[in-house]
PDB file of N, CA and C in Angstrom:
ATOM      1  N   MET A   1      -3.283   7.258 -15.517  1.00  0.00           N
ATOM      2  CA  MET A   1      -3.058   6.435 -14.340  1.00  0.00           C
ATOM      3  C   MET A   1      -2.060   7.146 -13.430  1.00  0.00           C
ATOM      4  N   ASP A   2      -2.324   7.085 -12.145  1.00  0.00           N
ATOM      5  CA  ASP A   2      -1.432   7.641 -11.137  1.00  0.00           C
ATOM      6  C   ASP A   2      -0.706   6.490 -10.464  1.00  0.00           C
ATOM      7  N   GLU A   3       0.572   6.716 -10.107  1.00  0.00           N
ATOM      8  CA  GLU A   3       1.386   5.643  -9.544  1.00  0.00           C
ATOM      9  C   GLU A   3       2.321   6.198  -8.477  1.00  0.00           C
ATOM     10  N   TRP A   4       2.475   5.441  -7.392  1.00  0.00           N
ATOM     11  CA  TRP A   4       3.369   5.785  -6.299  1.00  0.00           C
ATOM     12  C   TRP A   4       4.193   4.558  -5.944  1.00  0.00           C
ATOM     13  N   THR A   5       5.426   4.781  -5.523  1.00  0.00           N
ATOM     14  CA  THR A   5       6.275   3.699  -5.047  1.00  0.00           C
ATOM     15  C   THR A   5       6.804   4.079  -3.677  1.00  0.00           C
ATOM     16  N   THR A   6       6.739   3.143  -2.760  1.00  0.00           N
ATOM     17  CA  THR A   6       7.275   3.336  -1.416  1.00  0.00           C
ATOM     18  C   THR A   6       7.809   1.989  -0.949  1.00  0.00           C
ATOM     19  N   TYR A   7       8.167   1.907   0.306  1.00  0.00           N
ATOM     20  CA  TYR A   7       8.713   0.662   0.857  1.00  0.00           C
ATOM     21  C   TYR A   7       8.064   0.364   2.196  1.00  0.00           C
ATOM     22  N   THR A   8       7.887  -0.912   2.494  1.00  0.00           N
ATOM     23  CA  THR A   8       7.397  -1.321   3.804  1.00  0.00           C
ATOM     24  C   THR A   8       8.505  -1.067   4.825  1.00  0.00           C
ATOM     25  N   PRO A   9       8.197  -1.081   6.097  1.00  0.00           N
ATOM     26  CA  PRO A   9       9.231  -0.834   7.111  1.00  0.00           C
ATOM     27  C   PRO A   9      10.432  -1.767   7.020  1.00  0.00           C
ATOM     28  N   GLU A  10      10.247  -2.985   6.532  1.00  0.00           N
ATOM     29  CA  GLU A  10      11.394  -3.892   6.409  1.00  0.00           C
ATOM     30  C   GLU A  10      12.049  -3.823   5.033  1.00  0.00           C
ATOM     31  N   GLY A  11      11.597  -2.883   4.185  1.00  0.00           N
ATOM     32  CA  GLY A  11      12.276  -2.623   2.918  1.00  0.00           C
ATOM     33  C   GLY A  11      11.701  -3.281   1.682  1.00  0.00           C
ATOM     34  N   ARG A  12      10.516  -3.882   1.785  1.00  0.00           N
ATOM     35  CA  ARG A  12       9.891  -4.487   0.604  1.00  0.00           C
ATOM     36  C   ARG A  12       9.306  -3.383  -0.267  1.00  0.00           C
ATOM     37  N   PRO A  13       9.502  -3.433  -1.598  1.00  0.00           N
ATOM     38  CA  PRO A  13       8.910  -2.421  -2.472  1.00  0.00           C
ATOM     39  C   PRO A  13       7.389  -2.527  -2.480  1.00  0.00           C
ATOM     40  N   LEU A  14       6.733  -1.397  -2.473  1.00  0.00           N
ATOM     41  CA  LEU A  14       5.283  -1.329  -2.467  1.00  0.00           C
ATOM     42  C   LEU A  14       4.843  -0.381  -3.575  1.00  0.00           C
ATOM     43  N   LEU A  15       4.180  -0.922  -4.584  1.00  0.00           N
ATOM     44  CA  LEU A  15       3.726  -0.151  -5.734  1.00  0.00           C
ATOM     45  C   LEU A  15       2.227   0.075  -5.599  1.00  0.00           C
ATOM     46  N   VAL A  16       1.798   1.331  -5.718  1.00  0.00           N
ATOM     47  CA  VAL A  16       0.384   1.698  -5.596  1.00  0.00           C
ATOM     48  C   VAL A  16      -0.037   2.401  -6.881  1.00  0.00           C
ATOM     49  N   ARG A  17      -1.212   2.026  -7.382  1.00  0.00           N
ATOM     50  CA  ARG A  17      -1.748   2.644  -8.599  1.00  0.00           C
ATOM     51  C   ARG A  17      -3.209   3.014  -8.381  1.00  0.00           C
ATOM     52  N   ARG A  18      -3.612   4.076  -9.064  1.00  0.00           N
ATOM     53  CA  ARG A  18      -5.020   4.486  -9.094  1.00  0.00           C
ATOM     54  C   ARG A  18      -5.433   4.485 -10.558  1.00  0.00           C
ATOM     55  N   ARG A  19      -6.423   3.656 -10.871  1.00  0.00           N
ATOM     56  CA  ARG A  19      -6.903   3.596 -12.252  1.00  0.00           C
ATOM     57  C   ARG A  19      -8.358   3.146 -12.255  1.00  0.00           C
ATOM     58  N   SER A  20      -9.113   3.749 -13.137  1.00  0.00           N
ATOM     59  CA  SER A  20     -10.530   3.392 -13.318  1.00  0.00           C
ATOM     60  C   SER A  20     -11.306   3.344 -12.006  1.00  0.00           C
ATOM     61  N   GLY A  21     -11.043   4.289 -11.123  1.00  0.00           N
ATOM     62  CA  GLY A  21     -11.777   4.367  -9.871  1.00  0.00           C
ATOM     63  C   GLY A  21     -11.406   3.327  -8.828  1.00  0.00           C
ATOM     64  N   GLN A  22     -10.329   2.595  -9.048  1.00  0.00           N
ATOM     65  CA  GLN A  22      -9.884   1.559  -8.125  1.00  0.00           C
ATOM     66  C   GLN A  22      -8.443   1.815  -7.699  1.00  0.00           C
ATOM     67  N   TRP A  23      -8.123   1.414  -6.487  1.00  0.00           N
ATOM     68  CA  TRP A  23      -6.749   1.414  -6.006  1.00  0.00           C
ATOM     69  C   TRP A  23      -6.199   0.011  -6.182  1.00  0.00           C
ATOM     70  N   SER A  24      -4.954  -0.098  -6.585  1.00  0.00           N
ATOM     71  CA  SER A  24      -4.286  -1.396  -6.601  1.00  0.00           C
ATOM     72  C   SER A  24      -2.947  -1.236  -5.908  1.00  0.00           C
ATOM     73  N   ALA A  25      -2.524  -2.302  -5.254  1.00  0.00           N
ATOM     74  CA  ALA A  25      -1.258  -2.292  -4.527  1.00  0.00           C
ATOM     75  C   ALA A  25      -0.574  -3.635  -4.727  1.00  0.00           C
ATOM     76  N   LYS A  26       0.745  -3.584  -4.850  1.00  0.00           N
ATOM     77  CA  LYS A  26       1.550  -4.796  -5.014  1.00  0.00           C
ATOM     78  C   LYS A  26       2.763  -4.660  -4.113  1.00  0.00           C
ATOM     79  N   CYS A  27       2.959  -5.642  -3.255  1.00  0.00           N
ATOM     80  CA  CYS A  27       4.073  -5.625  -2.312  1.00  0.00           C
ATOM     81  C   CYS A  27       5.074  -6.700  -2.706  1.00  0.00           C
ATOM     82  N   GLY A  28       6.303  -6.297  -2.979  1.00  0.00           N
ATOM     83  CA  GLY A  28       7.345  -7.245  -3.351  1.00  0.00           C
ATOM     84  C   GLY A  28       6.926  -8.096  -4.526  1.00  0.00           C
ATOM     85  N   GLU A  29       7.072  -9.410  -4.375  1.00  0.00           N
ATOM     86  CA  GLU A  29       6.702 -10.345  -5.436  1.00  0.00           C
ATOM     87  C   GLU A  29       5.291 -10.899  -5.247  1.00  0.00           C
ATOM     88  N   GLY A  30       4.561 -10.372  -4.280  1.00  0.00           N
ATOM     89  CA  GLY A  30       3.213 -10.846  -4.010  1.00  0.00           C
ATOM     90  C   GLY A  30       2.242 -10.427  -5.101  1.00  0.00           C
ATOM     91  N   PRO A  31       1.022 -10.951  -5.046  1.00  0.00           N
ATOM     92  CA  PRO A  31       0.008 -10.609  -6.048  1.00  0.00           C
ATOM     93  C   PRO A  31      -0.519  -9.186  -5.851  1.00  0.00           C
ATOM     94  N   GLU A  32      -1.064  -8.625  -6.897  1.00  0.00           N
ATOM     95  CA  GLU A  32      -1.667  -7.301  -6.826  1.00  0.00           C
ATOM     96  C   GLU A  32      -3.031  -7.402  -6.148  1.00  0.00           C
ATOM     97  N   ALA A  33      -3.320  -6.476  -5.250  1.00  0.00           N
ATOM     98  CA  ALA A  33      -4.614  -6.407  -4.571  1.00  0.00           C
ATOM     99  C   ALA A  33      -5.339  -5.163  -5.058  1.00  0.00           C
ATOM    100  N   GLN A  34      -6.657  -5.253  -5.215  1.00  0.00           N
ATOM    101  CA  GLN A  34      -7.445  -4.123  -5.686  1.00  0.00           C
ATOM    102  C   GLN A  34      -8.631  -3.876  -4.771  1.00  0.00           C
ATOM    103  N   SER A  35      -8.952  -2.599  -4.607  1.00  0.00           N
ATOM    104  CA  SER A  35     -10.107  -2.203  -3.808  1.00  0.00           C
ATOM    105  C   SER A  35     -10.456  -0.764  -4.139  1.00  0.00           C
ATOM    106  N   GLU A  36     -11.693  -0.383  -3.846  1.00  0.00           N
ATOM    107  CA  GLU A  36     -12.042   1.029  -3.976  1.00  0.00           C
ATOM    108  C   GLU A  36     -11.444   1.829  -2.823  1.00  0.00           C
ATOM    109  N   TRP A  37     -11.000   1.140  -1.762  1.00  0.00           N
ATOM    110  CA  TRP A  37     -10.401   1.773  -0.589  1.00  0.00           C
ATOM    111  C   TRP A  37      -8.897   1.492  -0.574  1.00  0.00           C
ATOM    112  N   LEU A  38      -8.102   2.535  -0.533  1.00  0.00           N
ATOM    113  CA  LEU A  38      -6.654   2.388  -0.590  1.00  0.00           C
ATOM    114  C   LEU A  38      -6.098   1.577   0.573  1.00  0.00           C
ATOM    115  N   ASP A  39      -6.538   1.844   1.795  1.00  0.00           N
ATOM    116  CA  ASP A  39      -5.983   1.108   2.926  1.00  0.00           C
ATOM    117  C   ASP A  39      -6.283  -0.386   2.843  1.00  0.00           C
ATOM    118  N   VAL A  40      -7.428  -0.757   2.269  1.00  0.00           N
ATOM    119  CA  VAL A  40      -7.757  -2.173   2.092  1.00  0.00           C
ATOM    120  C   VAL A  40      -6.817  -2.808   1.078  1.00  0.00           C
ATOM    121  N   ALA A  41      -6.590  -2.135  -0.046  1.00  0.00           N
ATOM    122  CA  ALA A  41      -5.672  -2.668  -1.065  1.00  0.00           C
ATOM    123  C   ALA A  41      -4.261  -2.812  -0.490  1.00  0.00           C
ATOM    124  N   LEU A  42      -3.808  -1.813   0.259  1.00  0.00           N
ATOM    125  CA  LEU A  42      -2.479  -1.888   0.870  1.00  0.00           C
ATOM    126  C   LEU A  42      -2.373  -3.066   1.836  1.00  0.00           C
ATOM    127  N   ALA A  43      -3.348  -3.195   2.722  1.00  0.00           N
ATOM    128  CA  ALA A  43      -3.315  -4.279   3.714  1.00  0.00           C
ATOM    129  C   ALA A  43      -3.325  -5.647   3.045  1.00  0.00           C
ATOM    130  N   GLU A  44      -4.172  -5.819   2.029  1.00  0.00           N
ATOM    131  CA  GLU A  44      -4.232  -7.103   1.329  1.00  0.00           C
ATOM    132  C   GLU A  44      -2.922  -7.411   0.622  1.00  0.00           C
ATOM    133  N   ALA A  45      -2.334  -6.412  -0.011  1.00  0.00           N
ATOM    134  CA  ALA A  45      -1.066  -6.627  -0.721  1.00  0.00           C
ATOM    135  C   ALA A  45       0.054  -6.983   0.250  1.00  0.00           C
ATOM    136  N   ILE A  46       0.132  -6.265   1.351  1.00  0.00           N
ATOM    137  CA  ILE A  46       1.190  -6.513   2.336  1.00  0.00           C
ATOM    138  C   ILE A  46       1.039  -7.898   2.949  1.00  0.00           C
ATOM    139  N   HIS A  47      -0.176  -8.257   3.319  1.00  0.00           N
ATOM    140  CA  HIS A  47      -0.390  -9.551   3.972  1.00  0.00           C
ATOM    141  C   HIS A  47      -0.276 -10.732   3.011  1.00  0.00           C
ATOM    142  N   SER A  48      -0.418 -10.490   1.715  1.00  0.00           N
ATOM    143  CA  SER A  48      -0.302 -11.596   0.765  1.00  0.00           C
ATOM    144  C   SER A  48       1.139 -11.841   0.332  1.00  0.00           C
ATOM    145  N   ASP A  49       2.051 -10.919   0.659  1.00  0.00           N
ATOM    146  CA  ASP A  49       3.470 -11.133   0.349  1.00  0.00           C
ATOM    147  C   ASP A  49       4.073 -11.928   1.506  1.00  0.00           C
ATOM    148  N   GLU A  50       4.426 -13.158   1.251  1.00  0.00           N
ATOM    149  CA  GLU A  50       4.888 -14.061   2.306  1.00  0.00           C
ATOM    150  C   GLU A  50       6.170 -13.617   2.985  1.00  0.00           C
ATOM    151  N   ASP A  51       6.933 -12.698   2.375  1.00  0.00           N
ATOM    152  CA  ASP A  51       8.178 -12.241   2.975  1.00  0.00           C
ATOM    153  C   ASP A  51       7.977 -11.133   4.004  1.00  0.00           C
ATOM    154  N   VAL A  52       6.776 -10.607   4.121  1.00  0.00           N
ATOM    155  CA  VAL A  52       6.501  -9.534   5.078  1.00  0.00           C
ATOM    156  C   VAL A  52       6.089 -10.145   6.405  1.00  0.00           C
ATOM    157  N   VAL A  53       6.719  -9.658   7.455  1.00  0.00           N
ATOM    158  CA  VAL A  53       6.392 -10.100   8.805  1.00  0.00           C
ATOM    159  C   VAL A  53       5.375  -9.124   9.368  1.00  0.00           C
ATOM    160  N   GLY A  54       4.386  -9.612  10.102  1.00  0.00           N
ATOM    161  CA  GLY A  54       3.290  -8.779  10.597  1.00  0.00           C
ATOM    162  C   GLY A  54       3.705  -7.620  11.483  1.00  0.00           C
ATOM    163  N   HIS A  55       4.687  -7.812  12.326  1.00  0.00           N
ATOM    164  CA  HIS A  55       5.148  -6.742  13.212  1.00  0.00           C
ATOM    165  C   HIS A  55       6.673  -6.779  13.242  1.00  0.00           C
ATOM    166  N   VAL A  56       7.298  -5.801  12.610  1.00  0.00           N
ATOM    167  CA  VAL A  56       8.749  -5.721  12.560  1.00  0.00           C
ATOM    168  C   VAL A  56       9.207  -4.619  13.504  1.00  0.00           C
ATOM    169  N   HIS A  57      10.041  -4.972  14.457  1.00  0.00           N
ATOM    170  CA  HIS A  57      10.613  -3.994  15.390  1.00  0.00           C
ATOM    171  C   HIS A  57       9.547  -3.061  15.958  1.00  0.00           C
ATOM    172  N   GLY A  58       8.430  -3.624  16.361  1.00  0.00           N
ATOM    173  CA  GLY A  58       7.382  -2.839  16.980  1.00  0.00           C
ATOM    174  C   GLY A  58       6.519  -2.044  16.016  1.00  0.00           C
ATOM    175  N   ILE A  59       6.642  -2.276  14.714  1.00  0.00           N
ATOM    176  CA  ILE A  59       5.819  -1.559  13.739  1.00  0.00           C
ATOM    177  C   ILE A  59       4.402  -2.131  13.778  1.00  0.00           C
ATOM    178  N   ASP A  60       3.431  -1.273  13.955  1.00  0.00           N
ATOM    179  CA  ASP A  60       2.023  -1.648  13.893  1.00  0.00           C
ATOM    180  C   ASP A  60       1.588  -1.448  12.443  1.00  0.00           C
ATOM    181  N   TYR A  61       1.443  -2.540  11.706  1.00  0.00           N
ATOM    182  CA  TYR A  61       1.124  -2.435  10.287  1.00  0.00           C
ATOM    183  C   TYR A  61      -0.226  -1.792  10.018  1.00  0.00           C
ATOM    184  N   GLY A  62      -1.181  -1.936  10.908  1.00  0.00           N
ATOM    185  CA  GLY A  62      -2.463  -1.261  10.725  1.00  0.00           C
ATOM    186  C   GLY A  62      -2.283   0.246  10.715  1.00  0.00           C
ATOM    187  N   LYS A  63      -1.566   0.751  11.708  1.00  0.00           N
ATOM    188  CA  LYS A  63      -1.304   2.192  11.803  1.00  0.00           C
ATOM    189  C   LYS A  63      -0.416   2.654  10.649  1.00  0.00           C
ATOM    190  N   TRP A  64       0.615   1.890  10.319  1.00  0.00           N
ATOM    191  CA  TRP A  64       1.523   2.256   9.233  1.00  0.00           C
ATOM    192  C   TRP A  64       0.760   2.324   7.901  1.00  0.00           C
ATOM    193  N   THR A  65      -0.111   1.338   7.661  1.00  0.00           N
ATOM    194  CA  THR A  65      -0.902   1.311   6.420  1.00  0.00           C
ATOM    195  C   THR A  65      -1.793   2.535   6.331  1.00  0.00           C
ATOM    196  N   ARG A  66      -2.445   2.905   7.418  1.00  0.00           N
ATOM    197  CA  ARG A  66      -3.318   4.080   7.412  1.00  0.00           C
ATOM    198  C   ARG A  66      -2.517   5.354   7.158  1.00  0.00           C
ATOM    199  N   THR A  67      -1.329   5.470   7.742  1.00  0.00           N
ATOM    200  CA  THR A  67      -0.478   6.641   7.532  1.00  0.00           C
ATOM    201  C   THR A  67      -0.062   6.766   6.068  1.00  0.00           C
ATOM    202  N   ILE A  68       0.348   5.656   5.458  1.00  0.00           N
ATOM    203  CA  ILE A  68       0.745   5.660   4.050  1.00  0.00           C
ATOM    204  C   ILE A  68      -0.457   5.978   3.167  1.00  0.00           C
ATOM    205  N   ALA A  69      -1.602   5.371   3.461  1.00  0.00           N
ATOM    206  CA  ALA A  69      -2.810   5.632   2.677  1.00  0.00           C
ATOM    207  C   ALA A  69      -3.188   7.109   2.745  1.00  0.00           C
ATOM    208  N   ASP A  70      -3.126   7.697   3.932  1.00  0.00           N
ATOM    209  CA  ASP A  70      -3.440   9.123   4.071  1.00  0.00           C
ATOM    210  C   ASP A  70      -2.512   9.984   3.226  1.00  0.00           C
ATOM    211  N   ALA A  71      -1.210   9.687   3.247  1.00  0.00           N
ATOM    212  CA  ALA A  71      -0.235  10.478   2.489  1.00  0.00           C
ATOM    213  C   ALA A  71      -0.482  10.353   0.982  1.00  0.00           C
ATOM    214  N   ILE A  72      -0.731   9.148   0.505  1.00  0.00           N
ATOM    215  CA  ILE A  72      -0.973   8.947  -0.931  1.00  0.00           C
ATOM    216  C   ILE A  72      -2.286   9.607  -1.339  1.00  0.00           C
ATOM    217  N   GLU A  73      -3.325   9.477  -0.522  1.00  0.00           N
ATOM    218  CA  GLU A  73      -4.609  10.102  -0.846  1.00  0.00           C
ATOM    219  C   GLU A  73      -4.494  11.622  -0.876  1.00  0.00           C
ATOM    220  N   ARG A  74      -3.696  12.210   0.018  1.00  0.00           N
ATOM    221  CA  ARG A  74      -3.466  13.662  -0.012  1.00  0.00           C
ATOM    222  C   ARG A  74      -2.774  14.064  -1.305  1.00  0.00           C
ATOM    223  N   ASP A  75      -1.762  13.304  -1.694  1.00  0.00           N
ATOM    224  CA  ASP A  75      -1.026  13.567  -2.934  1.00  0.00           C
ATOM    225  C   ASP A  75      -1.957  13.437  -4.138  1.00  0.00           C
ATOM    226  N   TYR A  76      -2.761  12.398  -4.156  1.00  0.00           N
ATOM    227  CA  TYR A  76      -3.702  12.177  -5.257  1.00  0.00           C
ATOM    228  C   TYR A  76      -4.711  13.317  -5.355  1.00  0.00           C
ATOM    229  N   THR A  77      -5.260  13.734  -4.206  1.00  0.00           N
ATOM    230  CA  THR A  77      -6.247  14.815  -4.179  1.00  0.00           C
ATOM    231  C   THR A  77      -5.617  16.149  -4.590  1.00  0.00           C
ATOM    232  N   ALA A  78      -4.373  16.393  -4.195  1.00  0.00           N
ATOM    233  CA  ALA A  78      -3.688  17.646  -4.531  1.00  0.00           C
ATOM    234  C   ALA A  78      -3.486  17.792  -6.033  1.00  0.00           C
ATOM    235  N   ASP A  79      -3.355  16.659  -6.728  1.00  0.00           N
ATOM    236  CA  ASP A  79      -3.147  16.696  -8.180  1.00  0.00           C
ATOM    237  C   ASP A  79      -4.436  16.912  -8.947  1.00  0.00           C
ATOM    238  N   ARG A  80      -5.571  16.922  -8.287  1.00  0.00           N
ATOM    239  CA  ARG A  80      -6.854  17.049  -8.972  1.00  0.00           C
ATOM    240  C   ARG A  80      -7.242  18.478  -9.070  1.00  0.00           C
TER     241      ARG A  80
END
């Protein structure tokens, strides 16, 4: 299993895992979200954590999620 930890722009912990061909993401105390697509799992996890605000200080969460997904996918691919 591969695992990454990062933080949302407002400082919530974000745990990402790759296992059995699926991505899973958990933001703060929210539920774990799973998808074959990393950006979908990230978006679902972030939006299901009630402590996350949709736009913090001008942060576009759609763009931020895609940037994080790209970085994690590059790291995952580099290890293969």
